[in-house]
Amino acid sequence: MQIEQAVETLSPEQKEVFLLRMYGNVSFKEIAKLQKCSINTCLARMQYALGKLRSILQEEYDELQEAMP
């Protein structure tokens, strides 16, 4: 699975925070304003997004490792 496909599995709110922060270099303060939520909520959404992406991509990596001779 590509990173783009993994990102598509995130909730809309998590996906928005992830994309704005990682690709748009937008501050959490600005993201909080855009999403009309607290900075802590944005930070939590980012934390959950990174955790989910890490889990998905780790599974893919483990499967590739098992398939190698």
C-alpha atoms as a PDB file:
ATOM      1  CA  MET A   1       0.000   0.000   0.000  1.00  0.00           C
ATOM      2  CA  GLN A   2       1.271   3.435  -0.886  1.00  0.00           C
ATOM      3  CA  ILE A   3       1.283   6.289   1.607  1.00  0.00           C
ATOM      4  CA  GLU A   4      -1.443   8.035  -0.393  1.00  0.00           C
ATOM      5  CA  GLN A   5      -3.697   4.988  -0.076  1.00  0.00           C
ATOM      6  CA  ALA A   6      -3.012   4.778   3.656  1.00  0.00           C
ATOM      7  CA  VAL A   7      -3.904   8.470   4.063  1.00  0.00           C
ATOM      8  CA  GLU A   8      -7.262   7.788   2.393  1.00  0.00           C
ATOM      9  CA  THR A   9      -8.159   5.446   5.283  1.00  0.00           C
ATOM     10  CA  LEU A  10      -8.044   8.307   7.805  1.00  0.00           C
ATOM     11  CA  SER A  11     -11.159  10.071   9.017  1.00  0.00           C
ATOM     12  CA  PRO A  12     -11.844  13.344   7.168  1.00  0.00           C
ATOM     13  CA  GLU A  13     -10.721  15.409  10.168  1.00  0.00           C
ATOM     14  CA  GLN A  14      -7.516  13.419  10.667  1.00  0.00           C
ATOM     15  CA  LYS A  15      -6.768  13.484   6.958  1.00  0.00           C
ATOM     16  CA  GLU A  16      -7.187  17.265   6.822  1.00  0.00           C
ATOM     17  CA  VAL A  17      -4.888  17.841   9.806  1.00  0.00           C
ATOM     18  CA  PHE A  18      -2.285  15.434   8.415  1.00  0.00           C
ATOM     19  CA  LEU A  19      -2.268  16.919   4.913  1.00  0.00           C
ATOM     20  CA  LEU A  20      -2.281  20.538   6.045  1.00  0.00           C
ATOM     21  CA  ARG A  21       0.502  19.955   8.542  1.00  0.00           C
ATOM     22  CA  MET A  22       2.741  17.631   6.526  1.00  0.00           C
ATOM     23  CA  TYR A  23       2.265  18.954   3.013  1.00  0.00           C
ATOM     24  CA  GLY A  24       0.989  22.476   3.599  1.00  0.00           C
ATOM     25  CA  ASN A  25       3.262  23.278   6.542  1.00  0.00           C
ATOM     26  CA  VAL A  26       0.275  24.927   8.249  1.00  0.00           C
ATOM     27  CA  SER A  27       0.582  25.516  11.990  1.00  0.00           C
ATOM     28  CA  PHE A  28      -1.659  23.669  14.421  1.00  0.00           C
ATOM     29  CA  LYS A  29      -3.025  27.051  15.513  1.00  0.00           C
ATOM     30  CA  GLU A  30      -4.165  27.785  11.950  1.00  0.00           C
ATOM     31  CA  ILE A  31      -5.542  24.264  11.479  1.00  0.00           C
ATOM     32  CA  ALA A  32      -7.545  24.673  14.704  1.00  0.00           C
ATOM     33  CA  LYS A  33      -9.054  27.882  13.316  1.00  0.00           C
ATOM     34  CA  LEU A  34      -9.925  26.170  10.022  1.00  0.00           C
ATOM     35  CA  GLN A  35     -11.511  23.195  11.768  1.00  0.00           C
ATOM     36  CA  LYS A  36     -13.138  25.356  14.434  1.00  0.00           C
ATOM     37  CA  CYS A  37     -11.698  23.289  17.277  1.00  0.00           C
ATOM     38  CA  SER A  38      -9.019  23.568  19.937  1.00  0.00           C
ATOM     39  CA  ILE A  39      -5.332  23.126  19.283  1.00  0.00           C
ATOM     40  CA  ASN A  40      -5.410  20.083  21.580  1.00  0.00           C
ATOM     41  CA  THR A  41      -8.062  18.504  19.377  1.00  0.00           C
ATOM     42  CA  CYS A  42      -5.870  19.088  16.319  1.00  0.00           C
ATOM     43  CA  LEU A  43      -2.889  17.594  18.094  1.00  0.00           C
ATOM     44  CA  ALA A  44      -4.946  14.538  19.063  1.00  0.00           C
ATOM     45  CA  ARG A  45      -6.204  14.128  15.493  1.00  0.00           C
ATOM     46  CA  MET A  46      -2.622  14.255  14.242  1.00  0.00           C
ATOM     47  CA  GLN A  47      -1.510  11.744  16.864  1.00  0.00           C
ATOM     48  CA  TYR A  48      -4.290   9.312  15.901  1.00  0.00           C
ATOM     49  CA  ALA A  49      -3.571   9.832  12.196  1.00  0.00           C
ATOM     50  CA  LEU A  50       0.134   9.095  12.637  1.00  0.00           C
ATOM     51  CA  GLY A  51      -0.637   6.050  14.760  1.00  0.00           C
ATOM     52  CA  LYS A  52      -3.004   4.637  12.166  1.00  0.00           C
ATOM     53  CA  LEU A  53      -0.608   5.314   9.306  1.00  0.00           C
ATOM     54  CA  ARG A  54       2.247   3.758  11.260  1.00  0.00           C
ATOM     55  CA  SER A  55       0.175   0.655  11.941  1.00  0.00           C
ATOM     56  CA  ILE A  56      -0.965   0.244   8.329  1.00  0.00           C
ATOM     57  CA  LEU A  57       2.480   0.785   6.869  1.00  0.00           C
ATOM     58  CA  GLN A  58       4.134  -1.467   9.467  1.00  0.00           C
ATOM     59  CA  GLU A  59       1.782  -4.299   8.495  1.00  0.00           C
ATOM     60  CA  GLU A  60       2.726  -3.803   4.854  1.00  0.00           C
ATOM     61  CA  TYR A  61       6.412  -3.799   5.718  1.00  0.00           C
ATOM     62  CA  ASP A  62       6.078  -6.958   7.824  1.00  0.00           C
ATOM     63  CA  GLU A  63       4.262  -8.749   4.995  1.00  0.00           C
ATOM     64  CA  LEU A  64       7.021  -7.801   2.555  1.00  0.00           C
ATOM     65  CA  GLN A  65       9.673  -9.045   4.972  1.00  0.00           C
ATOM     66  CA  GLU A  66       7.896 -12.392   5.377  1.00  0.00           C
ATOM     67  CA  ALA A  67       7.652 -12.810   1.597  1.00  0.00           C
ATOM     68  CA  MET A  68      11.388 -12.384   1.121  1.00  0.00           C
ATOM     69  CA  PRO A  69      13.497 -15.557   1.049  1.00  0.00           C
END
